[in-house]
Protein backbone atom coordinates (compact mmCIF):
# COMPACT_ATOMS: atom_id res chain seq x y z
CA MET A 1 -9.32 19.97 -8.30
CA SER A 2 -11.78 17.80 -6.31
CA PHE A 3 -15.17 15.94 -6.71
CA ARG A 4 -17.93 15.63 -4.44
CA VAL A 5 -21.57 14.38 -4.85
CA ALA A 6 -24.05 15.85 -2.43
CA LYS A 7 -27.79 16.76 -2.23
CA ASP A 8 -28.68 19.87 -3.92
CA ARG A 9 -30.82 21.35 -1.08
CA TYR A 10 -27.84 21.13 1.22
CA GLY A 11 -24.92 22.13 -1.28
CA ALA A 12 -21.56 21.27 -1.85
CA LEU A 13 -19.90 22.25 1.19
CA SER A 14 -22.59 21.55 3.84
CA VAL A 15 -21.98 18.89 6.14
CA PRO A 16 -23.41 17.81 9.90
CA GLN A 17 -20.91 18.74 12.77
CA ASN A 18 -19.74 15.67 14.38
CA THR A 19 -19.77 15.80 18.37
CA ILE A 20 -18.07 12.28 19.08
CA VAL A 21 -14.85 10.70 18.06
CA GLY A 22 -14.08 6.95 19.51
CA PRO A 23 -16.47 4.65 20.75
CA LEU A 24 -20.07 5.79 20.82
CA PRO A 25 -21.73 6.05 24.02
CA ILE A 26 -23.30 2.81 25.58
CA THR A 27 -27.35 3.39 25.55
CA SER A 28 -29.92 1.44 27.20
CA THR A 29 -31.49 0.27 23.91
CA THR A 30 -30.94 -3.40 23.22
CA LYS A 31 -29.83 -3.14 19.47
CA ALA A 32 -27.04 -0.82 18.69
CA SER A 33 -27.39 1.86 16.35
CA PRO A 34 -25.35 1.95 13.24
CA ASP A 35 -22.31 4.04 13.38
CA VAL A 36 -22.85 6.67 10.40
CA ARG A 37 -19.76 8.81 11.15
CA GLY A 38 -17.46 9.22 8.25
CA ARG A 39 -14.06 7.24 8.63
CA PHE A 40 -11.99 10.55 9.37
CA ASP A 41 -14.70 12.57 11.13
CA THR A 42 -13.39 14.73 13.85
CA LEU A 43 -14.95 17.16 16.55
CA GLY A 44 -16.57 19.43 13.88
CA SER A 45 -16.93 19.68 10.35
CA THR A 46 -15.48 17.09 7.86
CA ILE A 47 -15.89 17.43 4.26
CA TYR A 48 -15.02 14.43 2.05
CA LEU A 49 -13.39 14.85 -1.68
CA ALA A 50 -12.47 12.63 -4.20
CA ASP A 51 -9.82 13.04 -7.07
CA SER A 52 -12.25 12.19 -9.70
CA ASN A 53 -15.79 12.15 -10.39
CA ARG A 54 -15.81 8.25 -10.93
CA CYS A 55 -14.30 8.03 -7.45
CA ALA A 56 -16.85 10.40 -5.79
CA TYR A 57 -19.60 8.04 -7.54
CA ALA A 58 -17.87 4.94 -6.32
CA GLU A 59 -17.87 6.20 -2.85
CA VAL A 60 -21.54 7.39 -2.73
CA LEU A 61 -22.78 4.02 -4.54
CA THR A 62 -21.37 1.76 -1.54
CA GLY A 63 -24.66 1.90 0.33
CA PHE A 64 -26.43 0.30 -2.84
CA ARG A 65 -23.65 -2.15 -3.07
CA LYS A 66 -24.11 -3.24 0.72
CA SER A 67 -27.90 -3.74 -0.34
CA ARG A 68 -26.86 -5.96 -3.19
CA ALA A 69 -24.26 -8.02 -1.16
CA SER A 70 -27.00 -8.49 1.53
CA ILE A 71 -28.61 -10.95 -1.03
CA SER A 72 -25.71 -13.57 -0.40
CA ARG A 73 -27.20 -14.11 3.37
CA ALA A 74 -30.55 -14.82 1.69
CA ALA A 75 -29.19 -17.03 -0.78
CA GLU A 76 -27.15 -19.11 1.61
CA SER A 77 -30.21 -19.62 3.75
CA ILE A 78 -32.40 -21.55 0.81
CA GLY A 79 -29.06 -23.16 -0.73
CA TRP A 80 -28.91 -21.16 -3.68
CA THR A 81 -25.74 -19.56 -5.45
CA VAL A 82 -25.73 -15.84 -5.05
CA ASP A 83 -25.76 -15.36 -8.92
CA ASP A 84 -28.89 -17.78 -9.17
CA TYR A 85 -30.48 -15.93 -6.43
CA ILE A 86 -29.98 -12.49 -7.93
CA LYS A 87 -31.15 -13.63 -11.28
CA GLN A 88 -34.32 -14.87 -9.71
CA VAL A 89 -34.81 -11.56 -7.72
CA LEU A 90 -34.44 -9.67 -10.93
CA THR A 91 -36.88 -11.85 -12.86
CA ASP A 92 -39.30 -11.75 -9.99
CA ALA A 93 -38.99 -7.83 -9.68
CA LYS A 94 -39.41 -7.44 -13.61
CA SER A 95 -42.47 -9.76 -13.49
CA ASN A 96 -44.12 -8.09 -10.88
CA GLY A 97 -43.24 -4.36 -11.90
CA ILE A 98 -41.21 -3.31 -8.97
CA ASP A 99 -37.86 -2.44 -8.63
CA VAL A 100 -34.91 -4.34 -7.04
CA PRO A 101 -33.73 -3.10 -3.32
CA TRP A 102 -30.28 -2.15 -4.85
CA ALA A 103 -31.56 0.19 -7.60
CA VAL A 104 -30.67 3.74 -7.76
CA SER A 105 -33.98 5.59 -8.19
CA ALA A 106 -34.91 8.43 -10.15
CA ASP A 107 -35.55 10.58 -7.21
CA TRP A 108 -32.01 9.93 -5.71
CA GLN A 109 -30.54 10.91 -8.93
CA MET A 110 -32.48 13.94 -9.38
CA ASP A 111 -31.77 15.29 -5.78
CA ARG A 112 -28.00 15.20 -6.21
CA SER A 113 -25.17 16.72 -8.31
CA ILE A 114 -21.60 16.28 -9.01
CA TYR A 115 -19.68 19.18 -7.47
CA ARG A 116 -16.21 20.31 -8.84
CA ILE A 117 -14.52 22.06 -6.14
CA GLN A 118 -11.30 23.95 -5.82
CA MET A 119 -8.80 22.62 -3.30
CA PRO A 120 -7.02 25.04 -1.05
CA ALA A 121 -3.83 26.71 -2.52
CA ARG A 122 -1.88 26.42 0.73
CA GLY A 123 -1.26 24.22 3.70
CA TRP A 124 -0.47 20.56 4.13
CA TRP A 125 -2.54 17.21 4.03
CA VAL A 126 -1.50 14.27 6.02
CA GLN A 127 -1.26 11.15 3.95
CA MET A 128 -2.83 8.48 5.91
CA ASP A 129 -1.37 5.53 4.07
CA HIS A 130 2.37 6.19 4.88
CA PRO A 131 4.63 4.52 6.96
CA ASP A 132 5.77 7.88 8.73
CA THR A 133 1.87 8.67 9.34
CA LEU A 134 1.70 5.27 11.32
CA ALA A 135 4.87 5.87 12.97
CA ALA A 136 4.01 9.03 14.20
CA LEU A 137 0.42 7.89 15.45
CA GLU A 138 1.98 5.08 17.45
CA ARG A 139 3.79 7.64 19.24
CA LEU A 140 0.87 9.84 19.81
CA ALA A 141 -1.91 7.43 20.14
CA PRO A 142 -1.20 6.21 23.83
CA THR A 143 -1.54 10.11 24.95
CA VAL A 144 -5.15 10.27 23.78
CA SER A 145 -7.80 8.91 26.14
CA GLY A 146 -9.90 5.96 24.94
CA MET A 147 -6.90 5.07 22.35
CA THR A 148 -5.39 2.11 24.32
CA GLU A 149 -9.05 0.58 24.62
CA VAL A 150 -9.90 0.40 21.31
CA LEU A 151 -6.59 -0.23 19.62
CA GLN A 152 -3.51 -2.53 20.59
CA LEU A 153 -1.54 -2.22 17.31
CA LEU A 154 -1.56 0.23 14.46
CA THR A 155 -1.51 -1.21 10.95
CA ALA A 156 -2.72 -0.34 7.60
CA GLY A 157 -5.86 -2.20 8.42
CA SER A 158 -6.46 -0.12 11.52
CA ILE A 159 -6.79 3.14 9.25
CA SER A 160 -8.71 1.34 6.37
CA GLY A 161 -11.18 -0.66 8.41
CA GLU A 162 -14.76 -0.04 9.51
CA ASN A 163 -14.20 0.74 13.04
CA ARG A 164 -14.95 4.18 13.54
CA ALA A 165 -14.11 3.87 17.16
CA VAL A 166 -10.28 3.84 16.25
CA THR A 167 -10.50 5.87 12.76
CA THR A 168 -12.29 8.95 14.18
CA LEU A 169 -9.97 8.78 17.21
CA LEU A 170 -6.78 8.51 14.79
CA ALA A 171 -8.15 11.60 12.80
CA GLU A 172 -8.73 13.78 16.15
CA VAL A 173 -5.21 12.92 17.10
CA ILE A 174 -3.95 14.23 13.57
CA ARG A 175 -6.10 17.48 13.70
CA GLN A 176 -4.93 18.75 17.29
CA GLN A 177 -1.15 18.72 16.00
CA VAL A 178 0.83 21.63 15.05
CA LEU A 179 3.09 20.74 12.01
CA ASP A 180 6.72 21.62 11.80
CA ASP A 181 6.09 24.98 10.10
CA GLY A 182 3.55 25.99 12.73
CA SER A 183 0.61 25.44 10.73
CA GLU A 184 -2.32 22.87 11.27
CA ALA A 185 -3.10 20.11 8.51
CA LEU A 186 -5.83 20.86 6.18
CA GLY A 187 -6.92 17.40 6.63
CA ILE A 188 -6.20 13.70 5.79
CA SER A 189 -5.38 12.26 2.28
CA PHE A 190 -6.15 8.58 1.70
CA ALA A 191 -6.82 5.81 -0.71
CA SER A 192 -10.42 5.30 -1.71
CA LYS A 193 -11.24 1.53 -0.48
CA THR A 194 -13.19 1.41 -4.08
CA LEU A 195 -9.72 1.65 -5.76
CA PHE A 196 -11.03 4.31 -8.20
CA GLY A 197 -8.70 6.93 -6.66
CA ARG A 198 -7.80 8.94 -3.78
CA CYS A 199 -9.99 10.95 -1.31
CA TRP A 200 -9.57 13.70 1.09
CA ALA A 201 -11.12 14.49 4.61
CA TYR A 202 -11.05 18.17 4.82
CA TRP A 203 -11.47 19.91 8.18
CA ASP A 204 -13.47 23.22 7.95
CA ARG A 205 -11.81 24.96 10.80
CA ARG A 206 -13.15 28.28 10.11
CA PHE A 207 -16.73 27.11 9.91
CA ASP A 208 -16.37 25.38 13.25
CA GLY A 209 -14.86 28.50 14.98
CA GLY A 210 -17.68 30.46 13.60
CA LEU A 211 -15.78 32.43 11.00
CA PRO A 212 -16.89 33.20 7.14
CA PRO A 213 -14.86 31.25 4.57
CA GLY A 214 -11.18 32.54 4.16
CA SER A 215 -9.19 32.91 1.03
CA ASN A 216 -7.82 29.37 1.39
CA ASN A 217 -11.02 27.47 1.74
CA LEU A 218 -12.49 24.99 -0.44
CA ARG A 219 -14.66 26.79 -3.38
CA GLN A 220 -17.35 25.36 -5.48
CA LEU A 221 -16.54 25.87 -9.27
CA ALA A 222 -19.42 24.10 -10.99
CA ALA A 223 -22.42 21.59 -10.41
CA GLU A 224 -24.24 19.04 -12.80
CA ASN A 225 -26.90 16.71 -11.88
CA VAL A 226 -25.55 13.12 -11.62
CA GLY A 227 -28.20 11.39 -13.67
CA PRO A 228 -26.95 12.41 -17.04
CA ASP A 229 -23.30 12.02 -16.40
CA PRO A 230 -21.76 8.91 -18.32
CA ASP A 231 -19.18 8.18 -15.85
CA PHE A 232 -22.03 7.82 -13.31
CA VAL A 233 -23.62 5.26 -15.60
CA HIS A 234 -20.11 3.67 -15.92
CA VAL A 235 -19.49 3.17 -12.26
CA ALA A 236 -23.15 2.11 -11.62
CA ALA A 237 -22.78 -0.49 -14.42
CA HIS A 238 -19.14 -1.50 -12.93
CA TYR A 239 -21.21 -2.61 -9.69
CA ASP A 240 -24.23 -4.27 -11.36
CA VAL A 241 -26.27 -1.31 -9.64
CA PRO A 242 -29.30 -0.52 -11.80
CA LEU A 243 -30.14 3.20 -12.68
CA LEU A 244 -33.94 3.55 -12.61
CA GLY A 245 -35.69 6.25 -14.89
CA ARG A 246 -33.11 5.73 -17.77
CA HIS A 247 -34.13 5.26 -21.32
CA ALA A 248 -30.98 4.08 -23.23
């Protein structure tokens, strides 16, 4: 069983197809665009799943946490502590009748559901945070074009870092392999950096090949709006992220 938060208009298992692994191409613009790829995106469709609804919520609230964390730069620029500055921002927002930048809007909550998804009954996942995986990747990485340019030494930090030029290439290396039993990996298993649980990156090979879902594909079992879920409230409170539109 797995869990995933997604916009209702797209559904649980619809994701954009990625077209680039490794470093993004250099453009003529002076300001680099943010790398919005998932950590283990490969060429094609990658669906990210969590082992609990709390873990799924922790993953999707990362952007709001980053917005809250950016306050520290503003606080430092005027010589305040982060806690004092945040308290002042909260006070000013309440006085002026506005929302703090890191609050989760009611629209955001209404637009999304937590989906319960049945995992494939057959097949293998590659455990990314395992010494055997690192050893295998160290042997395979030099054979992949572009890898030696972005990675000199493979460590646990390499696979859990924010450098998508590295992690997407590593994922593509794994996706291209044939396992000992002649099958291809379903995807990657990895620890959530939120420490709320584990996640999977599932490669939808049939969709990428223009085929309909098979009997071993992911299957949606249930969906509920995120707003009323007590576990959503719990995780948001854990990160001090306000949920707007609630009347508790």
